[in-house]
């Protein structure tokens, strides 16, 4: 259960790590500790012009290399706090597989409903996401978090007080930014999946 409306409302700005060789191939990348590819490094550097350090009182980062590299290249590595709860979903037996390969074995499988055999259940990840939300809501100001697609989508769903599976509706591209905030006492979704690409 996440905490209620904080006495000093803050925003949680989330950033998915830049691209890796596996993310470009659509492979489920949970605990495999891959680096960014050259394109992902460029995406991470570009974040520096979009995120100002003076906007944030705290910076959180996943322990996994691709998130830490993104954080560093965006200019936030020096003061970042490594938070184990921001590690990506443990995909267990499905690590490294694409959704198409998994559906060959289990046509009706959904990560958001079924979890990952040999890895984490939806409930497991929800517990971690709730702790991240609580941590951010206790902050005296805006918080920036660098992590991974599925855990950040779960964090967003829980920020909004929605069921964990609602994260399935919140696409988050590599190096994209999302804003979680408040409208008076209601938790709201601000700009989301903003990767800096002009629309239209």
C-alpha atoms as a PDB file:
ATOM      1  CA  UNK A   1       0.000   0.000   0.000  1.00  0.00           C
ATOM      2  CA  UNK A   2       1.447   3.374  -1.010  1.00  0.00           C
ATOM      3  CA  UNK A   3       1.448   6.408   1.231  1.00  0.00           C
ATOM      4  CA  UNK A   4      -1.272   9.056   1.127  1.00  0.00           C
ATOM      5  CA  UNK A   5      -1.049  12.634  -0.138  1.00  0.00           C
ATOM      6  CA  UNK A   6       2.220  14.046   1.238  1.00  0.00           C
ATOM      7  CA  UNK A   7       2.342  17.229   3.286  1.00  0.00           C
ATOM      8  CA  UNK A   8       4.910  18.637   0.836  1.00  0.00           C
ATOM      9  CA  UNK A   9       3.803  17.400  -2.609  1.00  0.00           C
ATOM     10  CA  UNK A  10       6.620  16.533  -4.963  1.00  0.00           C
ATOM     11  CA  UNK A  11       6.963  15.202  -8.458  1.00  0.00           C
ATOM     12  CA  UNK A  12       8.672  11.959  -9.406  1.00  0.00           C
ATOM     13  CA  UNK A  13      10.373  12.219 -12.783  1.00  0.00           C
ATOM     14  CA  UNK A  14      11.285   8.815 -14.213  1.00  0.00           C
ATOM     15  CA  UNK A  15      13.769   8.054 -16.974  1.00  0.00           C
ATOM     16  CA  UNK A  16      14.133   4.738 -18.746  1.00  0.00           C
ATOM     17  CA  UNK A  17      17.709   3.839 -19.607  1.00  0.00           C
ATOM     18  CA  UNK A  18      19.027   4.307 -23.145  1.00  0.00           C
ATOM     19  CA  UNK A  19      18.963   1.545 -25.730  1.00  0.00           C
ATOM     20  CA  UNK A  20      20.935  -1.695 -25.473  1.00  0.00           C
ATOM     21  CA  UNK A  21      21.483  -4.425 -28.046  1.00  0.00           C
ATOM     22  CA  UNK A  22      18.752  -6.481 -26.364  1.00  0.00           C
ATOM     23  CA  UNK A  23      16.191  -3.683 -26.090  1.00  0.00           C
ATOM     24  CA  UNK A  24      16.569  -2.995 -29.814  1.00  0.00           C
ATOM     25  CA  UNK A  25      15.919  -6.692 -30.497  1.00  0.00           C
ATOM     26  CA  UNK A  26      12.855  -6.773 -28.208  1.00  0.00           C
ATOM     27  CA  UNK A  27      14.481  -9.267 -25.815  1.00  0.00           C
ATOM     28  CA  UNK A  28      13.308  -9.287 -22.195  1.00  0.00           C
ATOM     29  CA  UNK A  29      16.225  -7.839 -20.244  1.00  0.00           C
ATOM     30  CA  UNK A  30      15.767  -8.229 -16.532  1.00  0.00           C
ATOM     31  CA  UNK A  31      18.864  -8.934 -14.461  1.00  0.00           C
ATOM     32  CA  UNK A  32      21.301  -9.498 -17.359  1.00  0.00           C
ATOM     33  CA  UNK A  33      23.674  -6.592 -16.772  1.00  0.00           C
ATOM     34  CA  UNK A  34      24.121  -5.224 -20.285  1.00  0.00           C
ATOM     35  CA  UNK A  35      25.788  -1.908 -21.148  1.00  0.00           C
ATOM     36  CA  UNK A  36      24.225   0.735 -23.332  1.00  0.00           C
ATOM     37  CA  UNK A  37      24.971   0.422 -27.027  1.00  0.00           C
ATOM     38  CA  UNK A  38      26.495   3.456 -28.824  1.00  0.00           C
ATOM     39  CA  UNK A  39      23.049   4.761 -29.738  1.00  0.00           C
ATOM     40  CA  UNK A  40      21.931   4.359 -26.139  1.00  0.00           C
ATOM     41  CA  UNK A  41      24.957   6.321 -24.961  1.00  0.00           C
ATOM     42  CA  UNK A  42      24.002   9.162 -27.309  1.00  0.00           C
ATOM     43  CA  UNK A  43      20.420   9.063 -26.011  1.00  0.00           C
ATOM     44  CA  UNK A  44      21.697   9.293 -22.438  1.00  0.00           C
ATOM     45  CA  UNK A  45      23.949  12.273 -23.203  1.00  0.00           C
ATOM     46  CA  UNK A  46      21.013  14.062 -24.840  1.00  0.00           C
ATOM     47  CA  UNK A  47      19.085  13.847 -21.556  1.00  0.00           C
ATOM     48  CA  UNK A  48      21.528  16.327 -19.998  1.00  0.00           C
ATOM     49  CA  UNK A  49      19.986  19.186 -21.976  1.00  0.00           C
ATOM     50  CA  UNK A  50      16.451  18.202 -20.939  1.00  0.00           C
ATOM     51  CA  UNK A  51      16.896  17.666 -17.182  1.00  0.00           C
ATOM     52  CA  UNK A  52      18.279  20.378 -14.912  1.00  0.00           C
ATOM     53  CA  UNK A  53      19.994  19.336 -11.672  1.00  0.00           C
ATOM     54  CA  UNK A  54      18.443  22.227  -9.735  1.00  0.00           C
ATOM     55  CA  UNK A  55      14.961  20.796 -10.350  1.00  0.00           C
ATOM     56  CA  UNK A  56      15.630  17.823  -8.038  1.00  0.00           C
ATOM     57  CA  UNK A  57      16.364  17.301  -4.368  1.00  0.00           C
ATOM     58  CA  UNK A  58      17.166  13.620  -4.894  1.00  0.00           C
ATOM     59  CA  UNK A  59      18.311  11.243  -7.632  1.00  0.00           C
ATOM     60  CA  UNK A  60      17.641   7.497  -7.497  1.00  0.00           C
ATOM     61  CA  UNK A  61      19.117   4.875  -9.806  1.00  0.00           C
ATOM     62  CA  UNK A  62      18.768   1.143 -10.391  1.00  0.00           C
ATOM     63  CA  UNK A  63      21.835  -0.944  -9.533  1.00  0.00           C
ATOM     64  CA  UNK A  64      21.975  -2.311 -13.085  1.00  0.00           C
ATOM     65  CA  UNK A  65      24.672  -1.035 -15.432  1.00  0.00           C
ATOM     66  CA  UNK A  66      22.462   0.293 -18.228  1.00  0.00           C
ATOM     67  CA  UNK A  67      20.559   2.542 -15.822  1.00  0.00           C
ATOM     68  CA  UNK A  68      23.697   3.702 -14.004  1.00  0.00           C
ATOM     69  CA  UNK A  69      25.396   4.530 -17.324  1.00  0.00           C
ATOM     70  CA  UNK A  70      22.345   6.541 -18.400  1.00  0.00           C
ATOM     71  CA  UNK A  71      22.376   8.398 -15.091  1.00  0.00           C
ATOM     72  CA  UNK A  72      26.105   9.139 -15.394  1.00  0.00           C
ATOM     73  CA  UNK A  73      25.975  10.280 -19.022  1.00  0.00           C
ATOM     74  CA  UNK A  74      22.987  12.516 -18.287  1.00  0.00           C
ATOM     75  CA  UNK A  75      25.103  14.244 -15.637  1.00  0.00           C
ATOM     76  CA  UNK A  76      23.453  12.942 -12.453  1.00  0.00           C
ATOM     77  CA  UNK A  77      25.774  10.130 -11.395  1.00  0.00           C
ATOM     78  CA  UNK A  78      27.720  11.929  -8.676  1.00  0.00           C
ATOM     79  CA  UNK A  79      24.864  12.336  -6.215  1.00  0.00           C
ATOM     80  CA  UNK A  80      22.675   9.396  -7.199  1.00  0.00           C
ATOM     81  CA  UNK A  81      21.444   6.883  -4.612  1.00  0.00           C
ATOM     82  CA  UNK A  82      21.430   3.260  -5.793  1.00  0.00           C
ATOM     83  CA  UNK A  83      18.028   1.750  -4.971  1.00  0.00           C
ATOM     84  CA  UNK A  84      17.729  -2.025  -5.295  1.00  0.00           C
ATOM     85  CA  UNK A  85      13.945  -1.767  -5.668  1.00  0.00           C
ATOM     86  CA  UNK A  86      14.466  -0.007  -9.029  1.00  0.00           C
ATOM     87  CA  UNK A  87      16.062  -3.079 -10.613  1.00  0.00           C
ATOM     88  CA  UNK A  88      14.120  -4.390 -13.591  1.00  0.00           C
ATOM     89  CA  UNK A  89      11.552  -7.194 -13.282  1.00  0.00           C
ATOM     90  CA  UNK A  90      13.274 -10.559 -12.864  1.00  0.00           C
ATOM     91  CA  UNK A  91      12.057 -12.428 -15.960  1.00  0.00           C
ATOM     92  CA  UNK A  92      13.367 -15.781 -14.746  1.00  0.00           C
ATOM     93  CA  UNK A  93      12.939 -18.466 -17.413  1.00  0.00           C
ATOM     94  CA  UNK A  94      11.975 -15.814 -19.976  1.00  0.00           C
ATOM     95  CA  UNK A  95      15.159 -13.761 -19.654  1.00  0.00           C
ATOM     96  CA  UNK A  96      16.547 -12.943 -23.093  1.00  0.00           C
ATOM     97  CA  UNK A  97      13.452 -14.127 -24.971  1.00  0.00           C
ATOM     98  CA  UNK A  98      11.205 -11.963 -27.124  1.00  0.00           C
ATOM     99  CA  UNK A  99       7.464 -11.849 -26.549  1.00  0.00           C
ATOM    100  CA  UNK A 100       6.992 -13.723 -29.837  1.00  0.00           C
ATOM    101  CA  UNK A 101       9.225 -16.569 -28.628  1.00  0.00           C
ATOM    102  CA  UNK A 102       7.369 -16.751 -25.307  1.00  0.00           C
ATOM    103  CA  UNK A 103       3.994 -16.798 -27.062  1.00  0.00           C
ATOM    104  CA  UNK A 104       5.111 -19.787 -29.119  1.00  0.00           C
ATOM    105  CA  UNK A 105       5.234 -21.695 -25.808  1.00  0.00           C
ATOM    106  CA  UNK A 106       2.365 -19.889 -24.007  1.00  0.00           C
ATOM    107  CA  UNK A 107       0.078 -18.068 -26.458  1.00  0.00           C
ATOM    108  CA  UNK A 108      -2.000 -16.362 -23.766  1.00  0.00           C
ATOM    109  CA  UNK A 109       0.913 -15.276 -21.558  1.00  0.00           C
ATOM    110  CA  UNK A 110       0.938 -11.730 -20.196  1.00  0.00           C
ATOM    111  CA  UNK A 111       3.732 -10.455 -17.982  1.00  0.00           C
ATOM    112  CA  UNK A 112       1.277  -8.083 -16.299  1.00  0.00           C
ATOM    113  CA  UNK A 113      -1.139 -10.870 -15.389  1.00  0.00           C
ATOM    114  CA  UNK A 114       1.038 -13.973 -15.113  1.00  0.00           C
ATOM    115  CA  UNK A 115       4.449 -12.706 -14.010  1.00  0.00           C
ATOM    116  CA  UNK A 116       7.582 -14.610 -14.972  1.00  0.00           C
ATOM    117  CA  UNK A 117       8.111 -18.324 -14.221  1.00  0.00           C
ATOM    118  CA  UNK A 118      11.322 -18.773 -12.297  1.00  0.00           C
ATOM    119  CA  UNK A 119      11.386 -15.004 -11.717  1.00  0.00           C
ATOM    120  CA  UNK A 120       9.137 -12.432 -10.071  1.00  0.00           C
ATOM    121  CA  UNK A 121       5.376 -12.420  -9.831  1.00  0.00           C
ATOM    122  CA  UNK A 122       3.279  -9.299 -10.369  1.00  0.00           C
ATOM    123  CA  UNK A 123       2.830  -9.097  -6.592  1.00  0.00           C
ATOM    124  CA  UNK A 124       6.604  -9.280  -6.037  1.00  0.00           C
ATOM    125  CA  UNK A 125       7.232  -6.319  -8.324  1.00  0.00           C
ATOM    126  CA  UNK A 126       4.296  -4.366  -6.899  1.00  0.00           C
ATOM    127  CA  UNK A 127       5.870  -4.546  -3.430  1.00  0.00           C
ATOM    128  CA  UNK A 128       9.063  -3.011  -4.814  1.00  0.00           C
ATOM    129  CA  UNK A 129       7.185  -0.372  -6.812  1.00  0.00           C
ATOM    130  CA  UNK A 130       5.183   0.651  -3.735  1.00  0.00           C
ATOM    131  CA  UNK A 131       8.402   1.142  -1.773  1.00  0.00           C
ATOM    132  CA  UNK A 132       9.778   3.382  -4.549  1.00  0.00           C
ATOM    133  CA  UNK A 133       6.578   5.465  -4.520  1.00  0.00           C
ATOM    134  CA  UNK A 134       6.729   5.790  -0.739  1.00  0.00           C
ATOM    135  CA  UNK A 135      10.384   6.829  -0.905  1.00  0.00           C
ATOM    136  CA  UNK A 136       9.635   9.524  -3.489  1.00  0.00           C
ATOM    137  CA  UNK A 137       6.594  10.825  -1.624  1.00  0.00           C
ATOM    138  CA  UNK A 138       8.644  11.254   1.548  1.00  0.00           C
ATOM    139  CA  UNK A 139      11.142  13.459  -0.287  1.00  0.00           C
ATOM    140  CA  UNK A 140      11.226  17.208   0.513  1.00  0.00           C
ATOM    141  CA  UNK A 141      11.198  18.008  -3.212  1.00  0.00           C
ATOM    142  CA  UNK A 142      11.192  16.606  -6.734  1.00  0.00           C
ATOM    143  CA  UNK A 143      12.870  13.245  -7.286  1.00  0.00           C
ATOM    144  CA  UNK A 144      14.549  11.915 -10.440  1.00  0.00           C
ATOM    145  CA  UNK A 145      14.760   8.135 -10.977  1.00  0.00           C
ATOM    146  CA  UNK A 146      16.734   6.267 -13.644  1.00  0.00           C
ATOM    147  CA  UNK A 147      15.616   2.683 -14.166  1.00  0.00           C
ATOM    148  CA  UNK A 148      13.884   0.316 -16.607  1.00  0.00           C
ATOM    149  CA  UNK A 149      10.737   0.055 -18.670  1.00  0.00           C
ATOM    150  CA  UNK A 150       8.626  -2.442 -16.745  1.00  0.00           C
ATOM    151  CA  UNK A 151       9.517  -1.421 -13.195  1.00  0.00           C
ATOM    152  CA  UNK A 152       8.925   2.257 -14.023  1.00  0.00           C
ATOM    153  CA  UNK A 153       5.575   1.468 -15.646  1.00  0.00           C
ATOM    154  CA  UNK A 154       4.604  -0.374 -12.457  1.00  0.00           C
ATOM    155  CA  UNK A 155       5.799   2.581 -10.355  1.00  0.00           C
ATOM    156  CA  UNK A 156       3.617   4.892 -12.451  1.00  0.00           C
ATOM    157  CA  UNK A 157       0.542   2.696 -12.018  1.00  0.00           C
ATOM    158  CA  UNK A 158       1.039   2.566  -8.266  1.00  0.00           C
ATOM    159  CA  UNK A 159       1.690   6.332  -8.061  1.00  0.00           C
ATOM    160  CA  UNK A 160      -1.738   6.755  -9.643  1.00  0.00           C
ATOM    161  CA  UNK A 161      -3.259   4.319  -7.107  1.00  0.00           C
ATOM    162  CA  UNK A 162      -4.122   1.934  -9.951  1.00  0.00           C
ATOM    163  CA  UNK A 163      -3.788  -1.851 -10.007  1.00  0.00           C
ATOM    164  CA  UNK A 164      -0.310  -3.033 -10.913  1.00  0.00           C
ATOM    165  CA  UNK A 165      -1.508  -4.392 -14.263  1.00  0.00           C
ATOM    166  CA  UNK A 166      -2.405  -0.848 -15.369  1.00  0.00           C
ATOM    167  CA  UNK A 167       1.312  -0.443 -16.081  1.00  0.00           C
ATOM    168  CA  UNK A 168       0.704  -2.456 -19.245  1.00  0.00           C
ATOM    169  CA  UNK A 169      -1.002   0.639 -20.698  1.00  0.00           C
ATOM    170  CA  UNK A 170       1.936   2.976 -20.083  1.00  0.00           C
ATOM    171  CA  UNK A 171       4.545   2.473 -22.812  1.00  0.00           C
ATOM    172  CA  UNK A 172       7.957   3.904 -21.898  1.00  0.00           C
ATOM    173  CA  UNK A 173      10.570   3.999 -24.657  1.00  0.00           C
ATOM    174  CA  UNK A 174      14.360   3.895 -24.169  1.00  0.00           C
ATOM    175  CA  UNK A 175      15.665   7.207 -22.776  1.00  0.00           C
ATOM    176  CA  UNK A 176      12.099   8.519 -22.450  1.00  0.00           C
ATOM    177  CA  UNK A 177      11.013  10.725 -19.556  1.00  0.00           C
ATOM    178  CA  UNK A 178       7.763  10.560 -17.581  1.00  0.00           C
ATOM    179  CA  UNK A 179       6.398  12.868 -14.904  1.00  0.00           C
ATOM    180  CA  UNK A 180       4.297  11.753 -11.932  1.00  0.00           C
ATOM    181  CA  UNK A 181       2.790  14.508  -9.859  1.00  0.00           C
ATOM    182  CA  UNK A 182      -0.224  15.932  -8.089  1.00  0.00           C
ATOM    183  CA  UNK A 183      -3.280  18.013  -8.874  1.00  0.00           C
ATOM    184  CA  UNK A 184      -4.257  19.192  -5.403  1.00  0.00           C
ATOM    185  CA  UNK A 185      -4.716  15.938  -3.470  1.00  0.00           C
ATOM    186  CA  UNK A 186      -4.983  13.650  -6.520  1.00  0.00           C
ATOM    187  CA  UNK A 187      -1.975  11.749  -7.899  1.00  0.00           C
ATOM    188  CA  UNK A 188      -1.738  12.444 -11.641  1.00  0.00           C
ATOM    189  CA  UNK A 189       0.218  11.521 -14.747  1.00  0.00           C
ATOM    190  CA  UNK A 190       2.049  14.422 -16.363  1.00  0.00           C
ATOM    191  CA  UNK A 191       3.982  14.266 -19.660  1.00  0.00           C
ATOM    192  CA  UNK A 192       4.801  10.637 -20.405  1.00  0.00           C
ATOM    193  CA  UNK A 193       7.021   8.646 -22.807  1.00  0.00           C
ATOM    194  CA  UNK A 194       8.721  11.859 -23.906  1.00  0.00           C
ATOM    195  CA  UNK A 195      11.846  10.854 -25.786  1.00  0.00           C
ATOM    196  CA  UNK A 196      12.403  14.272 -27.305  1.00  0.00           C
ATOM    197  CA  UNK A 197      11.145  13.239 -30.737  1.00  0.00           C
ATOM    198  CA  UNK A 198       8.982  15.936 -32.367  1.00  0.00           C
ATOM    199  CA  UNK A 199       5.429  14.754 -32.943  1.00  0.00           C
ATOM    200  CA  UNK A 200       3.737  14.815 -36.331  1.00  0.00           C
END
